[in-house]
Amino acid sequence: MVMSLAQVQSSLDLKEGVRLYPGLLGRDQQLGLKKDIDDLADQSPYFQPIMPRTGRPFSVTMTNAGPLGWVSDKDGYRYSHRHPVTGQPWPTIPSALLKLWSEVTSCDVLPECCLINRYGRKEARMGLHQDRDEKTFDAPVLSVSLGDSAVFRVGNTTRHGPTQSVRLNSGDVILLFGPGRLLFHGIDRILFGSSTLIPGGGRLNITLRRVTPFGDEV
């Protein structure tokens, strides 16, 4: 997966610190990355997270790669070294994603968590939330869309105030950095049938994050 300079420079700033790279990944790159995720999920199967206070299941299933994985259960939101069902360490982050991180973010440190959310049902969504379970917010958050398109909404550092929505298509990449790092954001709905990448429909969202401060060992 090698991005040209023109591809990386072809971007749209939705808000300060929120940058969209439309169609950054071509079809072949998307297929290669989907295979990487499918192989990863064979080692580390998708699980059903639940909300800490209510015990209500998420409408998405998820898995992780990297030294740390994000989980949610009755004990709260947190990062864990092991899969909550199998008890096994997470697999390594695919090299194509590490290369994408390097080319798009220009960040000197590697991500420690690769969270994969699978939207497999028409009603699947992700409410407005902040990525704030990390111990550092210095590194950006990189998000990759594969499969059916989604309506992405981004707001402010509180739940109040105006929001902006944009359609994310397969191969699009979003970068949250600087003032955009702690903005509330979410997925309002999935446009099922808008892509043929995933047989039977659905969407994969891949998010790369740094969890610990720069220089700390996981």
Protein backbone atom coordinates (compact mmCIF):
# COMPACT_ATOMS: atom_id res chain seq x y z
CA MET A 1 0.00 0.00 0.00
CA VAL A 2 1.86 3.05 -1.28
CA MET A 3 0.17 6.44 -1.41
CA SER A 4 1.33 9.04 -3.89
CA LEU A 5 2.00 12.56 -2.66
CA ALA A 6 -1.01 13.75 -4.70
CA GLN A 7 -3.29 11.24 -2.94
CA VAL A 8 -2.19 12.29 0.53
CA GLN A 9 -2.50 15.98 -0.35
CA SER A 10 -6.03 15.51 -1.77
CA SER A 11 -7.96 16.19 1.41
CA LEU A 12 -10.85 18.19 2.81
CA ASP A 13 -10.86 19.83 6.25
CA LEU A 14 -14.35 19.31 7.70
CA LYS A 15 -13.46 21.28 10.83
CA GLU A 16 -10.22 22.42 12.40
CA GLY A 17 -8.43 19.18 13.24
CA VAL A 18 -10.79 16.93 11.23
CA ARG A 19 -9.43 16.00 7.82
CA LEU A 20 -11.10 13.77 5.25
CA TYR A 21 -9.11 11.98 2.54
CA PRO A 22 -11.82 10.92 0.05
CA GLY A 23 -11.04 7.72 -1.86
CA LEU A 24 -7.52 7.53 -0.49
CA LEU A 25 -7.53 3.73 -0.86
CA GLY A 26 -8.28 2.31 -4.30
CA ARG A 27 -10.30 -0.86 -4.88
CA ASP A 28 -7.30 -3.20 -4.86
CA GLN A 29 -6.00 -1.61 -1.67
CA GLN A 30 -9.41 -1.99 -0.06
CA LEU A 31 -9.58 -5.66 -1.02
CA GLY A 32 -6.09 -6.27 0.35
CA LEU A 33 -6.92 -4.54 3.60
CA LYS A 34 -10.21 -6.43 3.93
CA LYS A 35 -8.30 -9.70 3.58
CA ASP A 36 -5.90 -8.55 6.30
CA ILE A 37 -8.87 -7.83 8.59
CA ASP A 38 -10.56 -11.15 7.77
CA ASP A 39 -7.33 -13.00 8.60
CA LEU A 40 -7.00 -11.01 11.80
CA ALA A 41 -10.58 -11.84 12.81
CA ASP A 42 -9.87 -15.56 12.32
CA GLN A 43 -7.24 -15.24 15.05
CA SER A 44 -9.16 -12.74 17.18
CA PRO A 45 -12.91 -13.23 16.60
CA TYR A 46 -15.44 -10.42 16.75
CA PHE A 47 -17.09 -10.04 20.15
CA GLN A 48 -20.21 -8.25 21.38
CA PRO A 49 -19.35 -5.36 23.73
CA ILE A 50 -21.90 -4.06 26.24
CA MET A 51 -22.51 -0.67 27.80
CA PRO A 52 -21.02 -0.46 31.31
CA ARG A 53 -24.00 1.00 33.19
CA THR A 54 -26.95 -0.51 31.36
CA GLY A 55 -25.51 -3.79 30.09
CA ARG A 56 -27.09 -3.00 26.74
CA PRO A 57 -25.19 -4.54 23.82
CA PHE A 58 -23.61 -2.34 21.21
CA SER A 59 -25.18 -2.51 17.76
CA VAL A 60 -21.72 -3.28 16.34
CA THR A 61 -19.35 -6.14 17.00
CA MET A 62 -15.64 -5.52 17.31
CA THR A 63 -12.15 -6.90 17.57
CA ASN A 64 -8.66 -5.42 17.93
CA ALA A 65 -5.05 -5.75 16.89
CA GLY A 66 -1.89 -4.40 18.45
CA PRO A 67 -0.42 -4.44 21.98
CA LEU A 68 -3.66 -3.03 23.40
CA GLY A 69 -7.31 -3.50 22.49
CA TRP A 70 -10.33 -1.38 23.42
CA VAL A 71 -13.11 -3.21 25.26
CA SER A 72 -16.37 -2.29 26.96
CA ASP A 73 -18.19 -4.39 29.56
CA LYS A 74 -19.82 -4.05 32.99
CA ASP A 75 -16.46 -2.91 34.40
CA GLY A 76 -16.26 0.06 32.04
CA TYR A 77 -14.40 1.28 28.97
CA ARG A 78 -10.72 0.42 28.95
CA TYR A 79 -7.75 -0.97 27.07
CA SER A 80 -6.72 -4.57 27.61
CA HIS A 81 -3.81 -6.73 26.51
CA ARG A 82 -6.11 -9.70 25.88
CA HIS A 83 -9.29 -10.64 24.04
CA PRO A 84 -12.22 -10.63 26.52
CA VAL A 85 -13.60 -13.98 25.28
CA THR A 86 -10.58 -16.05 24.23
CA GLY A 87 -8.14 -14.60 26.77
CA GLN A 88 -5.47 -14.51 24.05
CA PRO A 89 -3.23 -11.54 23.18
CA TRP A 90 -4.37 -9.47 20.25
CA PRO A 91 -2.69 -10.16 16.87
CA THR A 92 -0.24 -7.67 15.46
CA ILE A 93 -1.44 -4.66 13.48
CA PRO A 94 -1.26 -5.38 9.72
CA SER A 95 1.77 -3.79 8.09
CA ALA A 96 -0.39 -2.03 5.49
CA LEU A 97 -2.12 -0.10 8.27
CA LEU A 98 1.15 0.85 9.94
CA LYS A 99 2.37 2.15 6.61
CA LEU A 100 -0.84 4.12 6.11
CA TRP A 101 -0.43 5.62 9.59
CA SER A 102 3.11 6.71 8.79
CA GLU A 103 2.21 8.22 5.42
CA VAL A 104 -0.91 10.11 6.53
CA THR A 105 -0.16 11.20 10.11
CA SER A 106 3.59 11.92 9.94
CA CYS A 107 3.57 10.80 13.59
CA ASP A 108 6.92 9.61 14.92
CA VAL A 109 5.40 6.91 17.15
CA LEU A 110 3.42 3.82 16.17
CA PRO A 111 -0.22 3.21 17.09
CA GLU A 112 -0.81 0.76 19.92
CA CYS A 113 -4.43 -0.10 19.19
CA CYS A 114 -6.19 -1.04 15.98
CA LEU A 115 -9.91 -1.21 16.76
CA ILE A 116 -12.17 -2.80 14.14
CA ASN A 117 -15.91 -2.11 14.38
CA ARG A 118 -18.13 -4.29 12.21
CA TYR A 119 -21.49 -2.81 11.22
CA GLY A 120 -23.31 -5.92 10.10
CA ARG A 121 -26.94 -4.85 10.52
CA LYS A 122 -28.98 -2.08 8.94
CA GLU A 123 -29.72 -0.52 12.32
CA ALA A 124 -26.08 -0.55 13.44
CA ARG A 125 -24.77 2.88 14.46
CA MET A 126 -22.33 4.56 16.82
CA GLY A 127 -23.63 7.40 18.96
CA LEU A 128 -21.72 10.64 19.45
CA HIS A 129 -18.68 9.98 21.62
CA GLN A 130 -15.15 11.17 22.35
CA ASP A 131 -12.02 9.03 22.06
CA ARG A 132 -10.75 9.83 25.54
CA ASP A 133 -9.91 6.50 27.19
CA GLU A 134 -6.27 6.94 26.20
CA LYS A 135 -3.52 8.22 28.51
CA THR A 136 -2.33 10.68 25.86
CA PHE A 137 -4.14 12.83 23.33
CA ASP A 138 -0.96 14.04 21.63
CA ALA A 139 -1.16 11.51 18.80
CA PRO A 140 -3.84 11.70 16.10
CA VAL A 141 -6.60 9.15 15.51
CA LEU A 142 -6.75 7.60 12.04
CA SER A 143 -9.97 5.99 10.80
CA VAL A 144 -10.46 3.90 7.64
CA SER A 145 -13.83 3.02 6.05
CA LEU A 146 -14.39 -0.24 4.16
CA GLY A 147 -17.62 -1.51 2.62
CA ASP A 148 -21.00 0.21 2.69
CA SER A 149 -21.08 3.99 3.04
CA ALA A 150 -21.91 5.63 6.36
CA VAL A 151 -23.19 9.00 7.52
CA PHE A 152 -20.46 10.41 9.78
CA ARG A 153 -21.32 13.24 12.17
CA VAL A 154 -18.85 15.44 14.03
CA GLY A 155 -19.59 18.08 16.63
CA ASN A 156 -17.73 19.89 19.38
CA THR A 157 -15.86 19.15 22.60
CA THR A 158 -19.25 18.91 24.36
CA ARG A 159 -22.42 17.16 23.28
CA HIS A 160 -24.07 20.51 22.60
CA GLY A 161 -23.87 22.86 19.66
CA PRO A 162 -24.07 22.42 15.89
CA THR A 163 -22.81 19.28 14.16
CA GLN A 164 -21.69 18.55 10.63
CA SER A 165 -22.43 15.38 8.65
CA VAL A 166 -20.63 13.84 5.70
CA ARG A 167 -20.93 10.60 3.77
CA LEU A 168 -17.97 8.26 4.19
CA ASN A 169 -17.42 5.82 1.32
CA SER A 170 -15.29 2.71 1.10
CA GLY A 171 -11.64 3.72 0.92
CA ASP A 172 -12.14 7.06 2.67
CA VAL A 173 -9.82 7.98 5.54
CA ILE A 174 -10.51 10.43 8.40
CA LEU A 175 -7.82 12.01 10.58
CA LEU A 176 -8.58 13.60 13.97
CA PHE A 177 -5.66 15.66 15.23
CA GLY A 178 -4.83 18.69 17.36
CA PRO A 179 -8.05 20.60 18.18
CA GLY A 180 -10.10 17.85 16.52
CA ARG A 181 -8.72 15.06 18.70
CA LEU A 182 -11.44 15.31 21.38
CA LEU A 183 -14.41 16.33 19.27
CA PHE A 184 -17.59 14.30 19.65
CA HIS A 185 -18.23 12.18 16.58
CA GLY A 186 -20.27 9.16 15.53
CA ILE A 187 -22.01 7.17 12.81
CA ASP A 188 -25.71 7.96 12.34
CA ARG A 189 -26.54 5.23 9.84
CA ILE A 190 -25.18 2.77 7.30
CA LEU A 191 -26.25 2.98 3.66
CA PHE A 192 -26.60 -0.74 3.03
CA GLY A 193 -26.09 -1.87 -0.54
CA SER A 194 -23.87 1.09 -1.46
CA SER A 195 -20.73 -1.06 -1.85
CA THR A 196 -19.90 -4.53 -3.14
CA LEU A 197 -16.67 -4.88 -1.15
CA ILE A 198 -18.20 -6.98 1.65
CA PRO A 199 -20.34 -9.92 0.45
CA GLY A 200 -23.85 -9.54 1.85
CA GLY A 201 -23.26 -5.91 2.81
CA GLY A 202 -21.96 -4.20 5.89
CA ARG A 203 -19.19 -1.85 6.91
CA LEU A 204 -15.82 -2.15 8.62
CA ASN A 205 -14.37 0.83 10.43
CA ILE A 206 -10.70 0.56 11.37
CA THR A 207 -9.36 3.02 13.93
CA LEU A 208 -5.67 3.41 14.81
CA ARG A 209 -4.80 5.06 18.13
CA ARG A 210 -1.87 5.72 20.42
CA VAL A 211 -2.82 4.82 24.02
CA THR A 212 0.19 5.62 26.24
CA PRO A 213 2.39 8.74 26.31
CA PHE A 214 5.24 8.92 23.84
CA GLY A 215 8.26 7.02 25.14
CA ASP A 216 6.25 4.75 27.43
CA GLU A 217 6.42 1.02 26.82
CA VAL A 218 3.19 -0.96 26.64
